[in-house]
Amino acid sequence: MNLPSDKVQHFVVCGLLAFVMAIFLSLLSGDYICGVVSGFVTGIAAGLGKEYGDEQCENNQWDWLDIMADAIGSFVGSSVGALVSLV
């Protein structure tokens, strides 16, 4: 199955944002769950902002598959980031 490069980009960017935020807040708060949740929310917020911006541009539209890629990337990134902070 070939994924469109746009979806891969959404996955990677949101995953990296979530990863960094999860590590930072897990270490700052000392709480793994806080890291996972905050990382996930950060990634989703970035993805929603990007989609809103896309929707406002002429000849572009909201894409729920992009949001799904953002959510999956955010989940993976925040989970891995919080796990890394435990080491």
N, C-alpha and C. Protein backbone atom coordinates (compact mmCIF):
# COMPACT_ATOMS: atom_id res chain seq x y z
N MET A 1 0.84 -1.17 0.00
CA MET A 1 0.00 0.00 0.00
C MET A 1 0.89 1.24 0.00
N ASN A 2 0.70 2.10 -0.97
CA ASN A 2 1.47 3.34 -1.05
C ASN A 2 0.71 4.47 -0.39
N LEU A 3 1.34 5.09 0.60
CA LEU A 3 0.74 6.24 1.26
C LEU A 3 1.15 7.51 0.54
N PRO A 4 0.22 8.43 0.37
CA PRO A 4 0.60 9.72 -0.22
C PRO A 4 1.62 10.41 0.68
N SER A 5 2.57 11.08 0.08
CA SER A 5 3.64 11.71 0.85
C SER A 5 3.10 12.75 1.82
N ASP A 6 1.97 13.37 1.50
CA ASP A 6 1.38 14.36 2.40
C ASP A 6 1.00 13.73 3.74
N LYS A 7 0.45 12.55 3.70
CA LYS A 7 0.06 11.86 4.94
C LYS A 7 1.29 11.47 5.76
N VAL A 8 2.34 11.05 5.08
CA VAL A 8 3.58 10.70 5.76
C VAL A 8 4.17 11.95 6.42
N GLN A 9 4.12 13.06 5.72
CA GLN A 9 4.62 14.31 6.30
C GLN A 9 3.82 14.70 7.55
N HIS A 10 2.51 14.57 7.49
CA HIS A 10 1.67 14.87 8.65
C HIS A 10 2.05 13.95 9.82
N PHE A 11 2.19 12.66 9.54
CA PHE A 11 2.56 11.69 10.58
C PHE A 11 3.90 12.06 11.22
N VAL A 12 4.90 12.34 10.39
CA VAL A 12 6.25 12.60 10.89
C VAL A 12 6.31 13.90 11.68
N VAL A 13 5.76 14.98 11.14
CA VAL A 13 5.85 16.28 11.82
C VAL A 13 5.11 16.25 13.15
N CYS A 14 3.89 15.75 13.16
CA CYS A 14 3.13 15.68 14.41
C CYS A 14 3.78 14.71 15.39
N GLY A 15 4.32 13.62 14.88
CA GLY A 15 5.02 12.66 15.73
C GLY A 15 6.25 13.26 16.38
N LEU A 16 7.02 14.04 15.62
CA LEU A 16 8.21 14.67 16.19
C LEU A 16 7.85 15.72 17.23
N LEU A 17 6.84 16.53 16.94
CA LEU A 17 6.39 17.52 17.93
C LEU A 17 5.94 16.84 19.22
N ALA A 18 5.15 15.80 19.06
CA ALA A 18 4.65 15.07 20.23
C ALA A 18 5.79 14.41 21.00
N PHE A 19 6.75 13.85 20.28
CA PHE A 19 7.91 13.20 20.89
C PHE A 19 8.69 14.17 21.76
N VAL A 20 9.01 15.32 21.21
CA VAL A 20 9.80 16.32 21.95
C VAL A 20 9.03 16.82 23.18
N MET A 21 7.75 17.13 22.99
CA MET A 21 6.96 17.65 24.10
C MET A 21 6.78 16.58 25.19
N ALA A 22 6.59 15.34 24.79
CA ALA A 22 6.42 14.26 25.76
C ALA A 22 7.68 14.07 26.60
N ILE A 23 8.84 14.09 25.96
CA ILE A 23 10.09 13.97 26.71
C ILE A 23 10.23 15.14 27.68
N PHE A 24 10.05 16.34 27.16
CA PHE A 24 10.23 17.54 27.97
C PHE A 24 9.31 17.54 29.19
N LEU A 25 8.02 17.31 28.98
CA LEU A 25 7.09 17.38 30.10
C LEU A 25 7.14 16.15 31.01
N SER A 26 7.52 15.01 30.48
CA SER A 26 7.71 13.85 31.35
C SER A 26 8.86 14.09 32.32
N LEU A 27 9.94 14.64 31.80
CA LEU A 27 11.09 14.92 32.66
C LEU A 27 10.79 16.08 33.61
N LEU A 28 10.09 17.09 33.12
CA LEU A 28 9.78 18.25 33.95
C LEU A 28 8.83 17.90 35.09
N SER A 29 7.79 17.14 34.76
CA SER A 29 6.79 16.82 35.78
C SER A 29 7.10 15.53 36.54
N GLY A 30 7.92 14.67 35.95
CA GLY A 30 8.20 13.38 36.57
C GLY A 30 7.05 12.39 36.40
N ASP A 31 6.14 12.69 35.51
CA ASP A 31 4.94 11.87 35.33
C ASP A 31 4.84 11.41 33.87
N TYR A 32 4.89 10.11 33.67
CA TYR A 32 4.82 9.51 32.33
C TYR A 32 3.51 9.86 31.64
N ILE A 33 2.40 9.77 32.34
CA ILE A 33 1.08 10.03 31.75
C ILE A 33 0.96 11.49 31.30
N CYS A 34 1.48 12.39 32.10
CA CYS A 34 1.47 13.82 31.73
C CYS A 34 2.22 14.01 30.41
N GLY A 35 3.34 13.33 30.25
CA GLY A 35 4.12 13.42 29.02
C GLY A 35 3.35 12.91 27.82
N VAL A 36 2.70 11.76 27.98
CA VAL A 36 1.95 11.18 26.87
C VAL A 36 0.80 12.11 26.45
N VAL A 37 0.04 12.56 27.42
CA VAL A 37 -1.12 13.41 27.12
C VAL A 37 -0.70 14.73 26.52
N SER A 38 0.28 15.38 27.13
CA SER A 38 0.70 16.69 26.62
C SER A 38 1.34 16.57 25.24
N GLY A 39 2.10 15.54 25.01
CA GLY A 39 2.68 15.32 23.69
C GLY A 39 1.61 15.09 22.64
N PHE A 40 0.63 14.26 22.98
CA PHE A 40 -0.46 13.99 22.04
C PHE A 40 -1.24 15.27 21.73
N VAL A 41 -1.57 16.02 22.74
CA VAL A 41 -2.34 17.26 22.54
C VAL A 41 -1.54 18.26 21.69
N THR A 42 -0.25 18.34 21.92
CA THR A 42 0.60 19.24 21.13
C THR A 42 0.58 18.85 19.66
N GLY A 43 0.74 17.56 19.38
CA GLY A 43 0.74 17.09 18.00
C GLY A 43 -0.60 17.32 17.32
N ILE A 44 -1.68 17.02 18.01
CA ILE A 44 -3.02 17.21 17.44
C ILE A 44 -3.29 18.70 17.20
N ALA A 45 -2.90 19.55 18.14
CA ALA A 45 -3.12 20.99 17.99
C ALA A 45 -2.39 21.52 16.75
N ALA A 46 -1.18 21.07 16.55
CA ALA A 46 -0.43 21.49 15.37
C ALA A 46 -1.12 21.01 14.09
N GLY A 47 -1.59 19.77 14.10
CA GLY A 47 -2.28 19.23 12.93
C GLY A 47 -3.58 19.95 12.64
N LEU A 48 -4.33 20.25 13.68
CA LEU A 48 -5.59 20.98 13.48
C LEU A 48 -5.32 22.39 12.96
N GLY A 49 -4.28 23.02 13.48
CA GLY A 49 -3.92 24.35 13.00
C GLY A 49 -3.53 24.33 11.53
N LYS A 50 -2.78 23.32 11.14
CA LYS A 50 -2.38 23.18 9.73
C LYS A 50 -3.59 22.96 8.84
N GLU A 51 -4.50 22.12 9.27
CA GLU A 51 -5.70 21.87 8.46
C GLU A 51 -6.59 23.11 8.37
N TYR A 52 -6.70 23.84 9.47
CA TYR A 52 -7.49 25.08 9.43
C TYR A 52 -6.86 26.06 8.45
N GLY A 53 -5.54 26.17 8.48
CA GLY A 53 -4.85 27.04 7.53
C GLY A 53 -5.07 26.58 6.10
N ASP A 54 -5.03 25.28 5.88
CA ASP A 54 -5.30 24.75 4.53
C ASP A 54 -6.70 25.11 4.07
N GLU A 55 -7.65 24.99 4.97
CA GLU A 55 -9.04 25.26 4.61
C GLU A 55 -9.25 26.73 4.23
N GLN A 56 -8.49 27.61 4.84
CA GLN A 56 -8.64 29.03 4.57
C GLN A 56 -7.98 29.46 3.26
N CYS A 57 -7.09 28.64 2.73
CA CYS A 57 -6.43 28.96 1.47
C CYS A 57 -7.33 28.62 0.28
N GLU A 58 -7.22 29.43 -0.73
CA GLU A 58 -8.01 29.18 -1.94
C GLU A 58 -7.51 27.90 -2.60
N ASN A 59 -8.41 27.15 -3.17
CA ASN A 59 -8.12 25.88 -3.84
C ASN A 59 -7.55 24.81 -2.91
N ASN A 60 -7.94 24.86 -1.64
CA ASN A 60 -7.51 23.86 -0.69
C ASN A 60 -8.69 23.55 0.22
N GLN A 61 -8.63 22.43 0.91
CA GLN A 61 -9.77 22.04 1.74
C GLN A 61 -9.31 21.24 2.95
N TRP A 62 -10.21 21.10 3.90
CA TRP A 62 -9.99 20.29 5.10
C TRP A 62 -9.89 18.83 4.68
N ASP A 63 -8.95 18.09 5.27
CA ASP A 63 -8.77 16.69 4.93
C ASP A 63 -8.73 15.85 6.21
N TRP A 64 -9.76 15.05 6.41
CA TRP A 64 -9.83 14.22 7.62
C TRP A 64 -8.78 13.14 7.64
N LEU A 65 -8.30 12.71 6.48
CA LEU A 65 -7.22 11.71 6.45
C LEU A 65 -5.92 12.32 6.97
N ASP A 66 -5.71 13.61 6.72
CA ASP A 66 -4.55 14.29 7.30
C ASP A 66 -4.67 14.32 8.82
N ILE A 67 -5.86 14.59 9.33
CA ILE A 67 -6.08 14.61 10.77
C ILE A 67 -5.82 13.22 11.36
N MET A 68 -6.24 12.18 10.65
CA MET A 68 -5.98 10.82 11.12
C MET A 68 -4.47 10.55 11.17
N ALA A 69 -3.74 10.97 10.15
CA ALA A 69 -2.29 10.81 10.14
C ALA A 69 -1.66 11.61 11.28
N ASP A 70 -2.19 12.80 11.54
CA ASP A 70 -1.71 13.62 12.66
C ASP A 70 -1.93 12.89 13.99
N ALA A 71 -3.11 12.33 14.16
CA ALA A 71 -3.46 11.65 15.41
C ALA A 71 -2.58 10.42 15.63
N ILE A 72 -2.37 9.64 14.59
CA ILE A 72 -1.53 8.44 14.73
C ILE A 72 -0.09 8.84 15.02
N GLY A 73 0.43 9.83 14.29
CA GLY A 73 1.78 10.31 14.54
C GLY A 73 1.94 10.87 15.93
N SER A 74 0.94 11.62 16.39
CA SER A 74 0.98 12.20 17.73
C SER A 74 0.97 11.11 18.80
N PHE A 75 0.17 10.09 18.59
CA PHE A 75 0.10 8.99 19.55
C PHE A 75 1.43 8.24 19.63
N VAL A 76 1.97 7.91 18.48
CA VAL A 76 3.25 7.18 18.44
C VAL A 76 4.36 8.04 19.03
N GLY A 77 4.43 9.29 18.60
CA GLY A 77 5.48 10.18 19.07
C GLY A 77 5.43 10.42 20.57
N SER A 78 4.24 10.68 21.09
CA SER A 78 4.13 10.95 22.52
C SER A 78 4.38 9.70 23.35
N SER A 79 3.96 8.56 22.88
CA SER A 79 4.21 7.31 23.61
C SER A 79 5.69 6.98 23.66
N VAL A 80 6.35 7.08 22.53
CA VAL A 80 7.79 6.79 22.47
C VAL A 80 8.57 7.83 23.27
N GLY A 81 8.19 9.09 23.14
CA GLY A 81 8.87 10.14 23.89
C GLY A 81 8.77 9.95 25.40
N ALA A 82 7.60 9.62 25.87
CA ALA A 82 7.43 9.39 27.30
C ALA A 82 8.21 8.16 27.75
N LEU A 83 8.25 7.13 26.93
CA LEU A 83 9.04 5.93 27.28
C LEU A 83 10.53 6.26 27.33
N VAL A 84 11.00 7.05 26.39
CA VAL A 84 12.40 7.44 26.38
C VAL A 84 12.75 8.22 27.65
N SER A 85 11.82 9.02 28.13
CA SER A 85 12.10 9.80 29.33
C SER A 85 12.23 8.92 30.58
N LEU A 86 11.72 7.71 30.53
CA LEU A 86 11.84 6.79 31.67
C LEU A 86 13.23 6.19 31.80
N VAL A 87 13.96 6.20 30.71
CA VAL A 87 15.30 5.57 30.68
C VAL A 87 16.31 6.42 31.36
